[in-house]
């Protein structure tokens, strides 16, 4: 659950919001705030945000790979499932394809109509003057 929230935050910060000239710095700061917030609000997740870190902690604490299948389900299966759920939510929001398939729902996001190019605007203005 925590990883799906992190993925959604990353999708929104990287592809939806534009902070202008300092976009990179603001995006990095807000991503760090999102990660820190998830650690504070979901302390049980701990290294679950990074499956390799969770397994490494288990190896260093016991000296061997974890024997319990629950470890792999929680630290590997959970984050992978969370990432897939976050990608699905974003695909529904943006009206994109999901794993190559068009979804029957969405988009929630309003599509912007493209602005006419300057050359097309000049042609239209010239036609109006002639009439």
Protein backbone atom coordinates (compact mmCIF):
# COMPACT_ATOMS: atom_id res chain seq x y z
CA UNK A 1 0.00 0.00 0.00
CA UNK A 2 2.77 2.42 0.88
CA UNK A 3 4.61 1.73 -2.38
CA UNK A 4 1.51 2.38 -4.46
CA UNK A 5 1.23 5.78 -2.76
CA UNK A 6 4.89 6.46 -3.53
CA UNK A 7 4.46 5.48 -7.19
CA UNK A 8 1.39 7.69 -7.54
CA UNK A 9 3.32 10.61 -6.00
CA UNK A 10 6.17 10.03 -8.46
CA UNK A 11 3.78 9.82 -11.44
CA UNK A 12 2.06 13.05 -10.45
CA UNK A 13 5.26 14.94 -9.64
CA UNK A 14 7.06 13.87 -12.81
CA UNK A 15 4.34 13.88 -15.46
CA UNK A 16 1.44 15.99 -14.26
CA UNK A 17 2.85 19.01 -12.45
CA UNK A 18 5.08 21.62 -14.03
CA UNK A 19 6.87 24.02 -11.73
CA UNK A 20 8.42 26.12 -14.46
CA UNK A 21 12.08 27.07 -14.46
CA UNK A 22 12.99 25.28 -11.21
CA UNK A 23 10.94 22.15 -11.95
CA UNK A 24 13.80 19.73 -11.29
CA UNK A 25 14.65 21.09 -7.84
CA UNK A 26 11.05 21.40 -6.69
CA UNK A 27 10.25 17.92 -8.00
CA UNK A 28 13.22 16.41 -6.15
CA UNK A 29 12.27 18.18 -2.92
CA UNK A 30 8.62 17.07 -3.11
CA UNK A 31 9.63 13.49 -3.91
CA UNK A 32 11.85 13.46 -0.82
CA UNK A 33 8.95 14.86 1.24
CA UNK A 34 6.65 12.13 -0.13
CA UNK A 35 9.15 9.39 0.77
CA UNK A 36 9.68 10.81 4.26
CA UNK A 37 5.93 11.15 4.79
CA UNK A 38 5.37 7.52 3.81
CA UNK A 39 8.05 6.41 6.27
CA UNK A 40 6.40 8.45 9.04
CA UNK A 41 2.80 7.44 8.26
CA UNK A 42 3.57 3.79 7.45
CA UNK A 43 6.41 2.88 9.86
CA UNK A 44 5.65 -0.84 9.57
CA UNK A 45 6.50 -0.64 5.86
CA UNK A 46 10.11 0.14 6.73
CA UNK A 47 12.27 -1.35 4.03
CA UNK A 48 9.21 -2.58 2.11
CA UNK A 49 9.60 0.50 -0.06
CA UNK A 50 12.80 -1.18 -1.28
CA UNK A 51 12.57 -5.00 -1.52
CA UNK A 52 16.32 -5.46 -1.80
CA UNK A 53 16.87 -3.45 1.38
CA UNK A 54 14.32 -5.60 3.26
CA UNK A 55 16.05 -8.80 2.18
CA UNK A 56 19.49 -7.38 2.94
CA UNK A 57 18.39 -6.47 6.47
CA UNK A 58 17.13 -10.04 6.95
CA UNK A 59 20.40 -11.53 5.65
CA UNK A 60 22.57 -9.34 7.86
CA UNK A 61 20.45 -10.05 10.94
CA UNK A 62 20.46 -13.85 10.52
CA UNK A 63 23.42 -14.52 8.25
CA UNK A 64 21.32 -16.44 5.69
CA UNK A 65 18.46 -15.96 3.26
CA UNK A 66 15.02 -15.81 4.92
CA UNK A 67 13.26 -19.19 5.11
CA UNK A 68 9.79 -17.77 5.68
CA UNK A 69 7.79 -17.37 2.44
CA UNK A 70 5.92 -14.48 4.09
CA UNK A 71 9.12 -12.42 3.84
CA UNK A 72 9.14 -12.73 0.06
CA UNK A 73 5.41 -12.07 -0.18
CA UNK A 74 5.64 -8.92 1.97
CA UNK A 75 8.95 -7.49 0.74
CA UNK A 76 8.86 -8.58 -2.93
CA UNK A 77 5.28 -9.41 -3.86
CA UNK A 78 3.71 -6.47 -2.03
CA UNK A 79 5.85 -3.74 -3.62
CA UNK A 80 5.50 -5.27 -7.09
CA UNK A 81 1.73 -5.45 -6.68
CA UNK A 82 1.70 -1.90 -5.31
CA UNK A 83 3.61 -0.65 -8.35
CA UNK A 84 1.16 -2.40 -10.71
CA UNK A 85 -1.82 -0.91 -8.83
CA UNK A 86 -0.26 2.57 -8.99
CA UNK A 87 0.37 2.19 -12.73
CA UNK A 88 -3.25 1.07 -13.22
CA UNK A 89 -4.59 4.04 -11.24
CA UNK A 90 -2.44 6.44 -13.27
CA UNK A 91 -3.50 4.80 -16.56
CA UNK A 92 -7.15 5.25 -15.60
CA UNK A 93 -6.52 8.86 -14.58
CA UNK A 94 -4.57 9.79 -17.72
CA UNK A 95 -6.55 7.61 -20.16
CA UNK A 96 -3.44 5.71 -21.21
CA UNK A 97 -3.07 2.05 -22.09
CA UNK A 98 -2.22 -0.43 -19.35
CA UNK A 99 0.13 -3.26 -20.31
CA UNK A 100 -0.67 -2.59 -23.96
CA UNK A 101 -4.46 -2.74 -23.54
CA UNK A 102 -6.94 0.13 -23.78
CA UNK A 103 -8.88 0.38 -20.53
CA UNK A 104 -12.70 0.55 -20.58
CA UNK A 105 -12.65 3.36 -17.99
CA UNK A 106 -11.02 6.78 -17.96
CA UNK A 107 -9.64 9.25 -18.62
CA UNK A 108 -10.39 11.33 -15.57
CA UNK A 109 -7.83 13.94 -16.59
CA UNK A 110 -9.12 16.61 -18.92
CA UNK A 111 -7.30 16.60 -22.26
CA UNK A 112 -5.88 19.93 -23.40
CA UNK A 113 -6.71 21.04 -26.90
CA UNK A 114 -3.57 21.97 -28.80
CA UNK A 115 -3.05 25.64 -29.51
CA UNK A 116 -2.90 26.56 -33.22
CA UNK A 117 0.58 27.31 -34.50
CA UNK A 118 1.62 30.92 -35.10
CA UNK A 119 1.70 30.39 -38.88
CA UNK A 120 -1.88 29.07 -38.82
CA UNK A 121 -2.98 32.05 -36.73
CA UNK A 122 -1.44 34.46 -39.26
CA UNK A 123 -3.22 32.69 -42.15
CA UNK A 124 -6.54 32.86 -40.33
CA UNK A 125 -6.03 36.55 -39.53
CA UNK A 126 -5.13 37.28 -43.18
CA UNK A 127 -8.29 35.50 -44.39
CA UNK A 128 -10.41 37.53 -41.98
CA UNK A 129 -8.88 40.80 -43.26
CA UNK A 130 -9.63 39.85 -46.89
CA UNK A 131 -13.29 39.17 -46.06
